């Protein structure tokens, strides 16, 4: 992932469960630039649910679970919340095929 200032962040996913197109569950962690797992940072479990909604809409719910309160606080201090808001704010444009910067 490349941040707004051009900073590089590396990570990995371990897919746990998939039920297309309704559910995706995966472990999310950090990696070094060479792709090796960064054991010095916590992982998180992310579950994504897609549910049909009236008027041809879809509701997406994302649940993130951390192994400990300290792990959650560490991730939040690293800017995870702002990153998620920025990433999720692009979904409508991505689905519409509009390029964003």
PDB file of N, CA and C in Angstrom:
ATOM      1  N   UNK A   1       0.846  -1.161   0.000  1.00  0.00           N
ATOM      2  CA  UNK A   1       0.000   0.000   0.000  1.00  0.00           C
ATOM      3  C   UNK A   1       0.897   1.231   0.000  1.00  0.00           C
ATOM      4  N   UNK A   2       0.505   2.210  -0.785  1.00  0.00           N
ATOM      5  CA  UNK A   2       1.243   3.463  -0.829  1.00  0.00           C
ATOM      6  C   UNK A   2       0.398   4.554  -0.194  1.00  0.00           C
ATOM      7  N   UNK A   3       0.946   5.223   0.812  1.00  0.00           N
ATOM      8  CA  UNK A   3       0.247   6.283   1.519  1.00  0.00           C
ATOM      9  C   UNK A   3       0.204   7.567   0.716  1.00  0.00           C
ATOM     10  N   UNK A   4      -0.537   8.541   1.230  1.00  0.00           N
ATOM     11  CA  UNK A   4      -0.725   9.816   0.545  1.00  0.00           C
ATOM     12  C   UNK A   4       0.588  10.552   0.313  1.00  0.00           C
ATOM     13  N   UNK A   5       1.562  10.334   1.172  1.00  0.00           N
ATOM     14  CA  UNK A   5       2.859  10.995   1.054  1.00  0.00           C
ATOM     15  C   UNK A   5       3.878  10.140   0.293  1.00  0.00           C
ATOM     16  N   UNK A   6       3.429   9.029  -0.318  1.00  0.00           N
ATOM     17  CA  UNK A   6       4.315   8.144  -1.052  1.00  0.00           C
ATOM     18  C   UNK A   6       4.998   7.090  -0.195  1.00  0.00           C
ATOM     19  N   UNK A   7       4.653   7.032   1.093  1.00  0.00           N
ATOM     20  CA  UNK A   7       5.245   6.049   1.994  1.00  0.00           C
ATOM     21  C   UNK A   7       4.690   4.667   1.684  1.00  0.00           C
ATOM     22  N   UNK A   8       5.551   3.664   1.778  1.00  0.00           N
ATOM     23  CA  UNK A   8       5.201   2.284   1.448  1.00  0.00           C
ATOM     24  C   UNK A   8       4.910   1.479   2.707  1.00  0.00           C
ATOM     25  N   UNK A   9       3.815   0.714   2.675  1.00  0.00           N
ATOM     26  CA  UNK A   9       3.439  -0.173   3.771  1.00  0.00           C
ATOM     27  C   UNK A   9       3.179  -1.549   3.163  1.00  0.00           C
ATOM     28  N   UNK A  10       3.762  -2.564   3.763  1.00  0.00           N
ATOM     29  CA  UNK A  10       3.636  -3.918   3.217  1.00  0.00           C
ATOM     30  C   UNK A  10       2.822  -4.779   4.179  1.00  0.00           C
ATOM     31  N   UNK A  11       2.093  -5.721   3.629  1.00  0.00           N
ATOM     32  CA  UNK A  11       1.266  -6.570   4.469  1.00  0.00           C
ATOM     33  C   UNK A  11       0.952  -7.891   3.798  1.00  0.00           C
ATOM     34  N   UNK A  12       0.141  -8.677   4.477  1.00  0.00           N
ATOM     35  CA  UNK A  12      -0.268  -9.980   3.964  1.00  0.00           C
ATOM     36  C   UNK A  12      -1.677 -10.287   4.465  1.00  0.00           C
ATOM     37  N   UNK A  13      -2.347 -11.180   3.758  1.00  0.00           N
ATOM     38  CA  UNK A  13      -3.650 -11.714   4.160  1.00  0.00           C
ATOM     39  C   UNK A  13      -3.563 -13.223   4.175  1.00  0.00           C
ATOM     40  N   UNK A  14      -4.210 -13.840   5.141  1.00  0.00           N
ATOM     41  CA  UNK A  14      -4.409 -15.289   5.165  1.00  0.00           C
ATOM     42  C   UNK A  14      -5.921 -15.497   5.109  1.00  0.00           C
ATOM     43  N   UNK A  15      -6.415 -15.972   3.983  1.00  0.00           N
ATOM     44  CA  UNK A  15      -7.854 -16.163   3.808  1.00  0.00           C
ATOM     45  C   UNK A  15      -8.309 -17.311   4.714  1.00  0.00           C
ATOM     46  N   UNK A  16      -9.365 -17.074   5.475  1.00  0.00           N
ATOM     47  CA  UNK A  16      -9.889 -18.071   6.405  1.00  0.00           C
ATOM     48  C   UNK A  16     -11.161 -18.707   5.860  1.00  0.00           C
ATOM     49  N   UNK A  17     -12.071 -17.889   5.349  1.00  0.00           N
ATOM     50  CA  UNK A  17     -13.334 -18.412   4.820  1.00  0.00           C
ATOM     51  C   UNK A  17     -13.847 -17.492   3.730  1.00  0.00           C
ATOM     52  N   UNK A  18     -14.472 -18.119   2.721  1.00  0.00           N
ATOM     53  CA  UNK A  18     -15.068 -17.370   1.618  1.00  0.00           C
ATOM     54  C   UNK A  18     -16.420 -17.991   1.299  1.00  0.00           C
ATOM     55  N   UNK A  19     -17.429 -17.150   1.200  1.00  0.00           N
ATOM     56  CA  UNK A  19     -18.761 -17.569   0.770  1.00  0.00           C
ATOM     57  C   UNK A  19     -19.243 -16.534  -0.246  1.00  0.00           C
ATOM     58  N   UNK A  20     -18.753 -16.628  -1.500  1.00  0.00           N
ATOM     59  CA  UNK A  20     -19.076 -15.614  -2.503  1.00  0.00           C
ATOM     60  C   UNK A  20     -20.580 -15.536  -2.764  1.00  0.00           C
ATOM     61  N   UNK A  21     -21.130 -14.398  -2.966  1.00  0.00           N
ATOM     62  CA  UNK A  21     -20.527 -13.083  -2.802  1.00  0.00           C
ATOM     63  C   UNK A  21     -20.872 -12.446  -1.448  1.00  0.00           C
ATOM     64  N   UNK A  22     -21.142 -13.258  -0.451  1.00  0.00           N
ATOM     65  CA  UNK A  22     -21.688 -12.742   0.804  1.00  0.00           C
ATOM     66  C   UNK A  22     -20.693 -12.519   1.934  1.00  0.00           C
ATOM     67  N   UNK A  23     -19.635 -13.320   1.994  1.00  0.00           N
ATOM     68  CA  UNK A  23     -18.776 -13.274   3.176  1.00  0.00           C
ATOM     69  C   UNK A  23     -17.320 -13.546   2.810  1.00  0.00           C
ATOM     70  N   UNK A  24     -16.426 -12.796   3.473  1.00  0.00           N
ATOM     71  CA  UNK A  24     -14.983 -13.022   3.365  1.00  0.00           C
ATOM     72  C   UNK A  24     -14.400 -12.814   4.749  1.00  0.00           C
ATOM     73  N   UNK A  25     -13.603 -13.761   5.189  1.00  0.00           N
ATOM     74  CA  UNK A  25     -12.942 -13.685   6.492  1.00  0.00           C
ATOM     75  C   UNK A  25     -11.457 -13.932   6.279  1.00  0.00           C
ATOM     76  N   UNK A  26     -10.620 -13.032   6.848  1.00  0.00           N
ATOM     77  CA  UNK A  26      -9.183 -13.192   6.653  1.00  0.00           C
ATOM     78  C   UNK A  26      -8.408 -12.585   7.806  1.00  0.00           C
ATOM     79  N   UNK A  27      -7.202 -13.127   8.008  1.00  0.00           N
ATOM     80  CA  UNK A  27      -6.258 -12.547   8.954  1.00  0.00           C
ATOM     81  C   UNK A  27      -5.421 -11.545   8.174  1.00  0.00           C
ATOM     82  N   UNK A  28      -5.185 -10.382   8.764  1.00  0.00           N
ATOM     83  CA  UNK A  28      -4.461  -9.293   8.116  1.00  0.00           C
ATOM     84  C   UNK A  28      -3.254  -8.948   8.975  1.00  0.00           C
ATOM     85  N   UNK A  29      -2.082  -8.901   8.360  1.00  0.00           N
ATOM     86  CA  UNK A  29      -0.878  -8.592   9.117  1.00  0.00           C
ATOM     87  C   UNK A  29       0.080  -7.726   8.329  1.00  0.00           C
ATOM     88  N   UNK A  30       1.141  -7.341   8.974  1.00  0.00           N
ATOM     89  CA  UNK A  30       2.153  -6.477   8.376  1.00  0.00           C
ATOM     90  C   UNK A  30       3.337  -7.315   7.898  1.00  0.00           C
ATOM     91  N   UNK A  31       4.038  -6.778   6.898  1.00  0.00           N
ATOM     92  CA  UNK A  31       5.205  -7.472   6.348  1.00  0.00           C
ATOM     93  C   UNK A  31       6.328  -6.464   6.147  1.00  0.00           C
ATOM     94  N   UNK A  32       7.519  -6.991   5.987  1.00  0.00           N
ATOM     95  CA  UNK A  32       8.679  -6.179   5.630  1.00  0.00           C
ATOM     96  C   UNK A  32       8.655  -5.956   4.116  1.00  0.00           C
ATOM     97  N   UNK A  33       9.490  -5.072   3.622  1.00  0.00           N
ATOM     98  CA  UNK A  33       9.541  -4.763   2.203  1.00  0.00           C
ATOM     99  C   UNK A  33       9.802  -5.960   1.310  1.00  0.00           C
ATOM    100  N   UNK A  34      10.461  -6.990   1.849  1.00  0.00           N
ATOM    101  CA  UNK A  34      10.746  -8.190   1.060  1.00  0.00           C
ATOM    102  C   UNK A  34       9.619  -9.215   1.118  1.00  0.00           C
ATOM    103  N   UNK A  35       8.518  -8.870   1.819  1.00  0.00           N
ATOM    104  CA  UNK A  35       7.371  -9.779   1.917  1.00  0.00           C
ATOM    105  C   UNK A  35       7.377 -10.673   3.141  1.00  0.00           C
ATOM    106  N   UNK A  36       8.469 -10.681   3.885  1.00  0.00           N
ATOM    107  CA  UNK A  36       8.531 -11.509   5.098  1.00  0.00           C
ATOM    108  C   UNK A  36       7.594 -10.939   6.162  1.00  0.00           C
ATOM    109  N   UNK A  37       6.920 -11.833   6.881  1.00  0.00           N
ATOM    110  CA  UNK A  37       5.994 -11.425   7.933  1.00  0.00           C
ATOM    111  C   UNK A  37       6.726 -10.619   8.996  1.00  0.00           C
ATOM    112  N   UNK A  38       6.117  -9.501   9.418  1.00  0.00           N
ATOM    113  CA  UNK A  38       6.663  -8.678  10.496  1.00  0.00           C
ATOM    114  C   UNK A  38       6.025  -9.134  11.800  1.00  0.00           C
ATOM    115  N   UNK A  39       6.729  -9.993  12.536  1.00  0.00           N
ATOM    116  CA  UNK A  39       6.213 -10.537  13.793  1.00  0.00           C
ATOM    117  C   UNK A  39       6.188  -9.500  14.916  1.00  0.00           C
ATOM    118  N   UNK A  40       6.766  -8.335  14.689  1.00  0.00           N
ATOM    119  CA  UNK A  40       6.800  -7.301  15.704  1.00  0.00           C
ATOM    120  C   UNK A  40       5.518  -6.474  15.768  1.00  0.00           C
ATOM    121  N   UNK A  41       4.612  -6.691  14.820  1.00  0.00           N
ATOM    122  CA  UNK A  41       3.353  -5.954  14.795  1.00  0.00           C
ATOM    123  C   UNK A  41       2.188  -6.935  14.886  1.00  0.00           C
ATOM    124  N   UNK A  42       1.095  -6.506  15.522  1.00  0.00           N
ATOM    125  CA  UNK A  42      -0.031  -7.424  15.697  1.00  0.00           C
ATOM    126  C   UNK A  42      -0.789  -7.680  14.400  1.00  0.00           C
ATOM    127  N   UNK A  43      -1.521  -8.773  14.399  1.00  0.00           N
ATOM    128  CA  UNK A  43      -2.425  -9.096  13.295  1.00  0.00           C
ATOM    129  C   UNK A  43      -3.849  -8.776  13.736  1.00  0.00           C
ATOM    130  N   UNK A  44      -4.759  -8.858  12.792  1.00  0.00           N
ATOM    131  CA  UNK A  44      -6.170  -8.655  13.100  1.00  0.00           C
ATOM    132  C   UNK A  44      -7.001  -9.588  12.241  1.00  0.00           C
ATOM    133  N   UNK A  45      -8.166  -9.943  12.734  1.00  0.00           N
ATOM    134  CA  UNK A  45      -9.111 -10.761  11.987  1.00  0.00           C
ATOM    135  C   UNK A  45     -10.149  -9.814  11.399  1.00  0.00           C
ATOM    136  N   UNK A  46     -10.362  -9.898  10.096  1.00  0.00           N
ATOM    137  CA  UNK A  46     -11.330  -9.033   9.429  1.00  0.00           C
ATOM    138  C   UNK A  46     -12.396  -9.906   8.780  1.00  0.00           C
ATOM    139  N   UNK A  47     -13.648  -9.539   9.043  1.00  0.00           N
ATOM    140  CA  UNK A  47     -14.777 -10.243   8.441  1.00  0.00           C
ATOM    141  C   UNK A  47     -15.608  -9.225   7.677  1.00  0.00           C
ATOM    142  N   UNK A  48     -15.893  -9.549   6.420  1.00  0.00           N
ATOM    143  CA  UNK A  48     -16.672  -8.680   5.547  1.00  0.00           C
ATOM    144  C   UNK A  48     -17.948  -9.408   5.169  1.00  0.00           C
ATOM    145  N   UNK A  49     -19.086  -8.750   5.384  1.00  0.00           N
ATOM    146  CA  UNK A  49     -20.394  -9.299   5.023  1.00  0.00           C
ATOM    147  C   UNK A  49     -21.055  -8.365   4.019  1.00  0.00           C
ATOM    148  N   UNK A  50     -21.570  -8.921   2.937  1.00  0.00           N
ATOM    149  CA  UNK A  50     -22.338  -8.171   1.955  1.00  0.00           C
ATOM    150  C   UNK A  50     -23.776  -8.673   1.996  1.00  0.00           C
ATOM    151  N   UNK A  51     -24.719  -7.737   2.125  1.00  0.00           N
ATOM    152  CA  UNK A  51     -26.127  -8.088   2.232  1.00  0.00           C
ATOM    153  C   UNK A  51     -26.926  -7.260   1.237  1.00  0.00           C
ATOM    154  N   UNK A  52     -27.806  -7.936   0.497  1.00  0.00           N
ATOM    155  CA  UNK A  52     -28.672  -7.221  -0.441  1.00  0.00           C
ATOM    156  C   UNK A  52     -29.608  -6.309   0.338  1.00  0.00           C
ATOM    157  N   UNK A  53     -29.868  -5.152  -0.253  1.00  0.00           N
ATOM    158  CA  UNK A  53     -30.715  -4.141   0.368  1.00  0.00           C
ATOM    159  C   UNK A  53     -31.724  -3.687  -0.686  1.00  0.00           C
ATOM    160  N   UNK A  54     -32.891  -3.237  -0.260  1.00  0.00           N
ATOM    161  CA  UNK A  54     -33.884  -2.795  -1.255  1.00  0.00           C
ATOM    162  C   UNK A  54     -33.328  -1.737  -2.215  1.00  0.00           C
ATOM    163  N   UNK A  55     -33.956  -1.619  -3.351  1.00  0.00           N
ATOM    164  CA  UNK A  55     -33.612  -0.651  -4.405  1.00  0.00           C
ATOM    165  C   UNK A  55     -32.234  -0.907  -5.001  1.00  0.00           C
ATOM    166  N   UNK A  56     -31.899  -2.165  -5.199  1.00  0.00           N
ATOM    167  CA  UNK A  56     -30.638  -2.544  -5.854  1.00  0.00           C
ATOM    168  C   UNK A  56     -29.402  -1.998  -5.151  1.00  0.00           C
ATOM    169  N   UNK A  57     -29.426  -1.976  -3.851  1.00  0.00           N
ATOM    170  CA  UNK A  57     -28.293  -1.532  -3.045  1.00  0.00           C
ATOM    171  C   UNK A  57     -27.687  -2.736  -2.342  1.00  0.00           C
ATOM    172  N   UNK A  58     -26.454  -2.570  -1.893  1.00  0.00           N
ATOM    173  CA  UNK A  58     -25.771  -3.592  -1.106  1.00  0.00           C
ATOM    174  C   UNK A  58     -25.203  -2.928   0.137  1.00  0.00           C
ATOM    175  N   UNK A  59     -25.374  -3.586   1.277  1.00  0.00           N
ATOM    176  CA  UNK A  59     -24.809  -3.101   2.527  1.00  0.00           C
ATOM    177  C   UNK A  59     -23.567  -3.932   2.829  1.00  0.00           C
ATOM    178  N   UNK A  60     -22.457  -3.251   3.117  1.00  0.00           N
ATOM    179  CA  UNK A  60     -21.231  -3.943   3.480  1.00  0.00           C
ATOM    180  C   UNK A  60     -20.929  -3.641   4.948  1.00  0.00           C
ATOM    181  N   UNK A  61     -20.761  -4.697   5.736  1.00  0.00           N
ATOM    182  CA  UNK A  61     -20.374  -4.551   7.138  1.00  0.00           C
ATOM    183  C   UNK A  61     -18.994  -5.167   7.313  1.00  0.00           C
ATOM    184  N   UNK A  62     -18.107  -4.451   7.998  1.00  0.00           N
ATOM    185  CA  UNK A  62     -16.750  -4.930   8.245  1.00  0.00           C
ATOM    186  C   UNK A  62     -16.533  -4.976   9.749  1.00  0.00           C
ATOM    187  N   UNK A  63     -16.140  -6.138  10.245  1.00  0.00           N
ATOM    188  CA  UNK A  63     -15.838  -6.320  11.663  1.00  0.00           C
ATOM    189  C   UNK A  63     -14.355  -6.664  11.778  1.00  0.00           C
ATOM    190  N   UNK A  64     -13.626  -5.864  12.550  1.00  0.00           N
ATOM    191  CA  UNK A  64     -12.205  -6.119  12.788  1.00  0.00           C
ATOM    192  C   UNK A  64     -12.029  -6.518  14.241  1.00  0.00           C
ATOM    193  N   UNK A  65     -11.383  -7.660  14.457  1.00  0.00           N
ATOM    194  CA  UNK A  65     -11.142  -8.169  15.803  1.00  0.00           C
ATOM    195  C   UNK A  65      -9.639  -8.239  16.033  1.00  0.00           C
ATOM    196  N   UNK A  66      -9.207  -7.734  17.181  1.00  0.00           N
ATOM    197  CA  UNK A  66      -7.790  -7.706  17.538  1.00  0.00           C
ATOM    198  C   UNK A  66      -7.527  -8.728  18.635  1.00  0.00           C
ATOM    199  N   UNK A  67      -6.313  -9.261  18.713  1.00  0.00           N
ATOM    200  CA  UNK A  67      -6.019 -10.278  19.729  1.00  0.00           C
ATOM    201  C   UNK A  67      -6.048  -9.731  21.158  1.00  0.00           C
ATOM    202  N   UNK A  68      -5.733  -8.443  21.323  1.00  0.00           N
ATOM    203  CA  UNK A  68      -5.735  -7.827  22.648  1.00  0.00           C
ATOM    204  C   UNK A  68      -6.098  -6.346  22.501  1.00  0.00           C
ATOM    205  N   UNK A  69      -6.470  -5.726  23.616  1.00  0.00           N
ATOM    206  CA  UNK A  69      -6.726  -4.291  23.622  1.00  0.00           C
ATOM    207  C   UNK A  69      -5.456  -3.521  23.266  1.00  0.00           C
ATOM    208  N   UNK A  70      -4.318  -3.974  23.772  1.00  0.00           N
ATOM    209  CA  UNK A  70      -3.043  -3.316  23.464  1.00  0.00           C
ATOM    210  C   UNK A  70      -2.752  -3.374  21.968  1.00  0.00           C
ATOM    211  N   UNK A  71      -3.044  -4.502  21.323  1.00  0.00           N
ATOM    212  CA  UNK A  71      -2.827  -4.636  19.881  1.00  0.00           C
ATOM    213  C   UNK A  71      -3.718  -3.663  19.122  1.00  0.00           C
ATOM    214  N   UNK A  72      -4.977  -3.546  19.543  1.00  0.00           N
ATOM    215  CA  UNK A  72      -5.890  -2.614  18.890  1.00  0.00           C
ATOM    216  C   UNK A  72      -5.366  -1.181  19.033  1.00  0.00           C
ATOM    217  N   UNK A  73      -4.957  -0.819  20.218  1.00  0.00           N
ATOM    218  CA  UNK A  73      -4.448   0.536  20.438  1.00  0.00           C
ATOM    219  C   UNK A  73      -3.203   0.814  19.602  1.00  0.00           C
ATOM    220  N   UNK A  74      -2.320  -0.180  19.481  1.00  0.00           N
ATOM    221  CA  UNK A  74      -1.111  -0.016  18.677  1.00  0.00           C
ATOM    222  C   UNK A  74      -1.475   0.231  17.214  1.00  0.00           C
ATOM    223  N   UNK A  75      -2.407  -0.541  16.697  1.00  0.00           N
ATOM    224  CA  UNK A  75      -2.827  -0.384  15.302  1.00  0.00           C
ATOM    225  C   UNK A  75      -3.504   0.972  15.095  1.00  0.00           C
ATOM    226  N   UNK A  76      -4.345   1.375  16.048  1.00  0.00           N
ATOM    227  CA  UNK A  76      -5.005   2.681  15.936  1.00  0.00           C
ATOM    228  C   UNK A  76      -3.991   3.815  15.959  1.00  0.00           C
ATOM    229  N   UNK A  77      -2.969   3.703  16.811  1.00  0.00           N
ATOM    230  CA  UNK A  77      -1.926   4.731  16.880  1.00  0.00           C
ATOM    231  C   UNK A  77      -1.137   4.826  15.575  1.00  0.00           C
ATOM    232  N   UNK A  78      -1.117   3.753  14.808  1.00  0.00           N
ATOM    233  CA  UNK A  78      -0.412   3.739  13.527  1.00  0.00           C
ATOM    234  C   UNK A  78      -1.250   4.359  12.408  1.00  0.00           C
ATOM    235  N   UNK A  79      -2.498   4.760  12.709  1.00  0.00           N
ATOM    236  CA  UNK A  79      -3.328   5.415  11.707  1.00  0.00           C
ATOM    237  C   UNK A  79      -4.294   4.509  10.976  1.00  0.00           C
ATOM    238  N   UNK A  80      -4.570   3.332  11.537  1.00  0.00           N
ATOM    239  CA  UNK A  80      -5.447   2.364  10.873  1.00  0.00           C
ATOM    240  C   UNK A  80      -6.835   2.938  10.580  1.00  0.00           C
ATOM    241  N   UNK A  81      -7.406   3.658  11.530  1.00  0.00           N
ATOM    242  CA  UNK A  81      -8.758   4.178  11.340  1.00  0.00           C
ATOM    243  C   UNK A  81      -8.806   5.147  10.153  1.00  0.00           C
ATOM    244  N   UNK A  82      -7.870   6.070  10.089  1.00  0.00           N
ATOM    245  CA  UNK A  82      -7.832   7.027   8.978  1.00  0.00           C
ATOM    246  C   UNK A  82      -7.601   6.305   7.649  1.00  0.00           C
ATOM    247  N   UNK A  83      -6.759   5.289   7.666  1.00  0.00           N
ATOM    248  CA  UNK A  83      -6.504   4.511   6.451  1.00  0.00           C
ATOM    249  C   UNK A  83      -7.737   3.783   5.965  1.00  0.00           C
ATOM    250  N   UNK A  84      -8.483   3.188   6.900  1.00  0.00           N
ATOM    251  CA  UNK A  84      -9.715   2.489   6.521  1.00  0.00           C
ATOM    252  C   UNK A  84     -10.747   3.472   5.964  1.00  0.00           C
ATOM    253  N   UNK A  85     -10.877   4.621   6.604  1.00  0.00           N
ATOM    254  CA  UNK A  85     -11.831   5.627   6.126  1.00  0.00           C
ATOM    255  C   UNK A  85     -11.462   6.060   4.708  1.00  0.00           C
ATOM    256  N   UNK A  86     -10.181   6.294   4.460  1.00  0.00           N
ATOM    257  CA  UNK A  86      -9.740   6.704   3.126  1.00  0.00           C
ATOM    258  C   UNK A  86      -9.984   5.597   2.099  1.00  0.00           C
ATOM    259  N   UNK A  87      -9.655   4.373   2.452  1.00  0.00           N
ATOM    260  CA  UNK A  87      -9.826   3.257   1.519  1.00  0.00           C
ATOM    261  C   UNK A  87     -11.301   2.995   1.228  1.00  0.00           C
ATOM    262  N   UNK A  88     -12.114   2.943   2.270  1.00  0.00           N
ATOM    263  CA  UNK A  88     -13.533   2.658   2.081  1.00  0.00           C
ATOM    264  C   UNK A  88     -14.250   3.792   1.366  1.00  0.00           C
ATOM    265  N   UNK A  89     -13.734   5.010   1.512  1.00  0.00           N
ATOM    266  CA  UNK A  89     -14.320   6.144   0.822  1.00  0.00           C
ATOM    267  C   UNK A  89     -14.166   6.087  -0.690  1.00  0.00           C
ATOM    268  N   UNK A  90     -13.320   5.180  -1.179  1.00  0.00           N
ATOM    269  CA  UNK A  90     -13.083   5.040  -2.615  1.00  0.00           C
ATOM    270  C   UNK A  90     -13.927   3.944  -3.260  1.00  0.00           C
ATOM    271  N   UNK A  91     -14.646   3.170  -2.476  1.00  0.00           N
ATOM    272  CA  UNK A  91     -15.333   1.989  -3.005  1.00  0.00           C
ATOM    273  C   UNK A  91     -16.349   2.331  -4.087  1.00  0.00           C
ATOM    274  N   UNK A  92     -17.191   3.336  -3.859  1.00  0.00           N
ATOM    275  CA  UNK A  92     -18.199   3.678  -4.871  1.00  0.00           C
ATOM    276  C   UNK A  92     -17.553   4.015  -6.204  1.00  0.00           C
ATOM    277  N   UNK A  93     -16.462   4.802  -6.178  1.00  0.00           N
ATOM    278  CA  UNK A  93     -15.780   5.164  -7.418  1.00  0.00           C
ATOM    279  C   UNK A  93     -15.129   3.948  -8.079  1.00  0.00           C
ATOM    280  N   UNK A  94     -14.545   3.080  -7.273  1.00  0.00           N
ATOM    281  CA  UNK A  94     -13.926   1.864  -7.826  1.00  0.00           C
ATOM    282  C   UNK A  94     -14.981   1.005  -8.525  1.00  0.00           C
ATOM    283  N   UNK A  95     -16.118   0.819  -7.856  1.00  0.00           N
ATOM    284  CA  UNK A  95     -17.172   0.007  -8.451  1.00  0.00           C
ATOM    285  C   UNK A  95     -17.769   0.654  -9.702  1.00  0.00           C
ATOM    286  N   UNK A  96     -17.734   1.977  -9.740  1.00  0.00           N
ATOM    287  CA  UNK A  96     -18.254   2.697 -10.909  1.00  0.00           C
ATOM    288  C   UNK A  96     -17.214   2.780 -12.030  1.00  0.00           C
ATOM    289  N   UNK A  97     -15.978   2.328 -11.749  1.00  0.00           N
ATOM    290  CA  UNK A  97     -14.927   2.359 -12.754  1.00  0.00           C
ATOM    291  C   UNK A  97     -14.259   3.713 -12.896  1.00  0.00           C
ATOM    292  N   UNK A  98     -14.377   4.545 -11.880  1.00  0.00           N
ATOM    293  CA  UNK A  98     -13.777   5.876 -11.908  1.00  0.00           C
ATOM    294  C   UNK A  98     -12.425   5.825 -11.209  1.00  0.00           C
ATOM    295  N   UNK A  99     -11.381   6.287 -11.882  1.00  0.00           N
ATOM    296  CA  UNK A  99     -10.042   6.322 -11.276  1.00  0.00           C
ATOM    297  C   UNK A  99      -9.960   7.492 -10.297  1.00  0.00           C
ATOM    298  N   UNK A 100      -9.391   7.214  -9.095  1.00  0.00           N
ATOM    299  CA  UNK A 100      -9.177   8.276  -8.117  1.00  0.00           C
ATOM    300  C   UNK A 100      -7.708   8.325  -7.746  1.00  0.00           C
ATOM    301  N   UNK A 101      -7.278   9.472  -7.271  1.00  0.00           N
ATOM    302  CA  UNK A 101      -5.881   9.631  -6.829  1.00  0.00           C
ATOM    303  C   UNK A 101      -5.859   9.907  -5.374  1.00  0.00           C
TER     304      UNK A 101
END
